Amino acid sequence: MFYDELREAVSYFKKEPEGVNAMCEIMREFERKSENKGRRQGRAEGRVEGRAEGRAEGRAEGRTEERETIMRNLYAKGMDCPAIAEVTGQTSAQVEAFFKAR
């Protein structure tokens, strides 16, 4: 049925210089497309990971800033460092170091 056509095509791509060159070009194009697809997938994964890391860092910074604001407000109201540490979940040493650094 198609065996004769298939046999002729295989013979052309294996034995004829033009066929060998055509097959090599087809394989190079296939390789380029595969590499490009892999790069696109890698970039997309990298963007997703980068966004997730950025969000996590932003949330952590926001919590730190909020905690520092609370500590400053409590200190301004006259609360001592051990009490501020208890309210904010910090150690007394961390609270004292925060106010010494200011």
C-alpha atoms as a PDB file:
ATOM      1  CA  MET A   1       0.000   0.000   0.000  1.00  0.00           C
ATOM      2  CA  PHE A   2       2.206   2.878   1.260  1.00  0.00           C
ATOM      3  CA  TYR A   3       5.238   0.670   1.726  1.00  0.00           C
ATOM      4  CA  ASP A   4       6.709   1.501  -1.648  1.00  0.00           C
ATOM      5  CA  GLU A   5       6.345   5.241  -1.049  1.00  0.00           C
ATOM      6  CA  LEU A   6       7.773   4.899   2.450  1.00  0.00           C
ATOM      7  CA  ARG A   7      10.696   2.842   1.186  1.00  0.00           C
ATOM      8  CA  GLU A   8      11.468   5.469  -1.483  1.00  0.00           C
ATOM      9  CA  ALA A   9      11.307   8.312   1.059  1.00  0.00           C
ATOM     10  CA  VAL A  10      13.593   6.507   3.500  1.00  0.00           C
ATOM     11  CA  SER A  11      16.028   5.707   0.706  1.00  0.00           C
ATOM     12  CA  TYR A  12      16.025   9.369  -0.388  1.00  0.00           C
ATOM     13  CA  PHE A  13      16.696  10.683   3.141  1.00  0.00           C
ATOM     14  CA  LYS A  14      19.409   8.087   3.793  1.00  0.00           C
ATOM     15  CA  LYS A  15      21.257   7.856   0.481  1.00  0.00           C
ATOM     16  CA  GLU A  16      20.789  11.025  -1.557  1.00  0.00           C
ATOM     17  CA  PRO A  17      22.939  14.031  -0.530  1.00  0.00           C
ATOM     18  CA  GLU A  18      19.947  16.383  -0.860  1.00  0.00           C
ATOM     19  CA  GLY A  19      17.848  14.044   1.276  1.00  0.00           C
ATOM     20  CA  VAL A  20      20.531  13.805   3.964  1.00  0.00           C
ATOM     21  CA  ASN A  21      20.838  17.597   4.005  1.00  0.00           C
ATOM     22  CA  ALA A  22      17.062  17.986   4.175  1.00  0.00           C
ATOM     23  CA  MET A  23      16.846  15.540   7.084  1.00  0.00           C
ATOM     24  CA  CYS A  24      19.687  17.323   8.899  1.00  0.00           C
ATOM     25  CA  GLU A  25      17.909  20.655   8.483  1.00  0.00           C
ATOM     26  CA  ILE A  26      14.644  19.155   9.726  1.00  0.00           C
ATOM     27  CA  MET A  27      16.435  17.802  12.803  1.00  0.00           C
ATOM     28  CA  ARG A  28      18.162  21.166  13.452  1.00  0.00           C
ATOM     29  CA  GLU A  29      14.811  22.952  13.257  1.00  0.00           C
ATOM     30  CA  PHE A  30      13.270  20.397  15.595  1.00  0.00           C
ATOM     31  CA  GLU A  31      16.123  20.932  18.055  1.00  0.00           C
ATOM     32  CA  ARG A  32      15.766  24.749  17.887  1.00  0.00           C
ATOM     33  CA  LYS A  33      12.029  24.525  18.531  1.00  0.00           C
ATOM     34  CA  SER A  34      12.599  22.141  21.437  1.00  0.00           C
ATOM     35  CA  GLU A  35      15.219  24.429  22.980  1.00  0.00           C
ATOM     36  CA  ASN A  36      12.978  27.467  22.576  1.00  0.00           C
ATOM     37  CA  LYS A  37      10.083  25.640  24.176  1.00  0.00           C
ATOM     38  CA  GLY A  38      12.296  24.634  27.093  1.00  0.00           C
ATOM     39  CA  ARG A  39      13.538  28.203  27.503  1.00  0.00           C
ATOM     40  CA  ARG A  40       9.983  29.560  27.495  1.00  0.00           C
ATOM     41  CA  GLN A  41       8.925  27.021  30.096  1.00  0.00           C
ATOM     42  CA  GLY A  42      11.981  27.797  32.218  1.00  0.00           C
ATOM     43  CA  ARG A  43      11.342  31.534  32.045  1.00  0.00           C
ATOM     44  CA  ALA A  44       7.687  31.073  32.976  1.00  0.00           C
ATOM     45  CA  GLU A  45       8.622  28.892  35.946  1.00  0.00           C
ATOM     46  CA  GLY A  46      11.265  31.408  36.984  1.00  0.00           C
ATOM     47  CA  ARG A  47       8.759  34.260  36.871  1.00  0.00           C
ATOM     48  CA  VAL A  48       6.286  32.315  39.003  1.00  0.00           C
ATOM     49  CA  GLU A  49       8.975  31.455  41.559  1.00  0.00           C
ATOM     50  CA  GLY A  50      10.265  35.031  41.559  1.00  0.00           C
ATOM     51  CA  ARG A  51       6.810  36.455  42.161  1.00  0.00           C
ATOM     52  CA  ALA A  52       6.166  34.023  44.988  1.00  0.00           C
ATOM     53  CA  GLU A  53       9.491  34.879  46.618  1.00  0.00           C
ATOM     54  CA  GLY A  54       8.815  38.596  46.152  1.00  0.00           C
ATOM     55  CA  ARG A  55       5.401  38.312  47.772  1.00  0.00           C
ATOM     56  CA  ALA A  56       6.812  36.355  50.702  1.00  0.00           C
ATOM     57  CA  GLU A  57       9.594  38.895  51.214  1.00  0.00           C
ATOM     58  CA  GLY A  58       7.117  41.763  50.958  1.00  0.00           C
ATOM     59  CA  ARG A  59       4.813  40.200  53.539  1.00  0.00           C
ATOM     60  CA  ALA A  60       7.749  39.601  55.888  1.00  0.00           C
ATOM     61  CA  GLU A  61       8.916  43.198  55.497  1.00  0.00           C
ATOM     62  CA  GLY A  62       5.379  44.437  56.096  1.00  0.00           C
ATOM     63  CA  ARG A  63       5.080  42.399  59.297  1.00  0.00           C
ATOM     64  CA  THR A  64       8.445  43.715  60.489  1.00  0.00           C
ATOM     65  CA  GLU A  65       7.466  47.314  59.750  1.00  0.00           C
ATOM     66  CA  GLU A  66       4.132  46.866  61.514  1.00  0.00           C
ATOM     67  CA  ARG A  67       5.834  45.321  64.553  1.00  0.00           C
ATOM     68  CA  GLU A  68       8.305  48.223  64.680  1.00  0.00           C
ATOM     69  CA  THR A  69       5.468  50.755  64.445  1.00  0.00           C
ATOM     70  CA  ILE A  70       3.659  49.042  67.300  1.00  0.00           C
ATOM     71  CA  MET A  71       6.845  49.011  69.398  1.00  0.00           C
ATOM     72  CA  ARG A  72       7.404  52.737  68.768  1.00  0.00           C
ATOM     73  CA  ASN A  73       3.784  53.546  69.639  1.00  0.00           C
ATOM     74  CA  LEU A  74       3.881  51.499  72.834  1.00  0.00           C
ATOM     75  CA  TYR A  75       7.189  53.097  73.840  1.00  0.00           C
ATOM     76  CA  ALA A  76       5.743  56.554  73.173  1.00  0.00           C
ATOM     77  CA  LYS A  77       2.824  55.684  75.493  1.00  0.00           C
ATOM     78  CA  GLY A  78       5.340  54.967  78.248  1.00  0.00           C
ATOM     79  CA  MET A  79       5.452  51.173  78.161  1.00  0.00           C
ATOM     80  CA  ASP A  80       8.763  49.619  79.198  1.00  0.00           C
ATOM     81  CA  CYS A  81      10.824  47.261  77.022  1.00  0.00           C
ATOM     82  CA  PRO A  82       9.894  43.970  78.769  1.00  0.00           C
ATOM     83  CA  ALA A  83       6.180  44.772  78.406  1.00  0.00           C
ATOM     84  CA  ILE A  84       6.651  45.744  74.750  1.00  0.00           C
ATOM     85  CA  ALA A  85       8.526  42.473  74.187  1.00  0.00           C
ATOM     86  CA  GLU A  86       5.648  40.515  75.701  1.00  0.00           C
ATOM     87  CA  VAL A  87       3.033  42.275  73.565  1.00  0.00           C
ATOM     88  CA  THR A  88       4.981  42.019  70.276  1.00  0.00           C
ATOM     89  CA  GLY A  89       6.425  38.528  70.734  1.00  0.00           C
ATOM     90  CA  GLN A  90      10.008  39.813  70.682  1.00  0.00           C
ATOM     91  CA  THR A  91      12.652  39.251  73.334  1.00  0.00           C
ATOM     92  CA  SER A  92      13.563  42.083  75.669  1.00  0.00           C
ATOM     93  CA  ALA A  93      17.018  42.146  74.081  1.00  0.00           C
ATOM     94  CA  GLN A  94      15.506  42.569  70.589  1.00  0.00           C
ATOM     95  CA  VAL A  95      13.280  45.430  71.772  1.00  0.00           C
ATOM     96  CA  GLU A  96      16.164  47.147  73.574  1.00  0.00           C
ATOM     97  CA  ALA A  97      18.418  46.728  70.523  1.00  0.00           C
ATOM     98  CA  PHE A  98      15.702  48.231  68.313  1.00  0.00           C
ATOM     99  CA  PHE A  99      15.453  51.343  70.468  1.00  0.00           C
ATOM    100  CA  LYS A 100      19.233  51.667  70.836  1.00  0.00           C
ATOM    101  CA  ALA A 101      19.635  51.556  67.037  1.00  0.00           C
ATOM    102  CA  ARG A 102      17.235  54.484  66.599  1.00  0.00           C
END
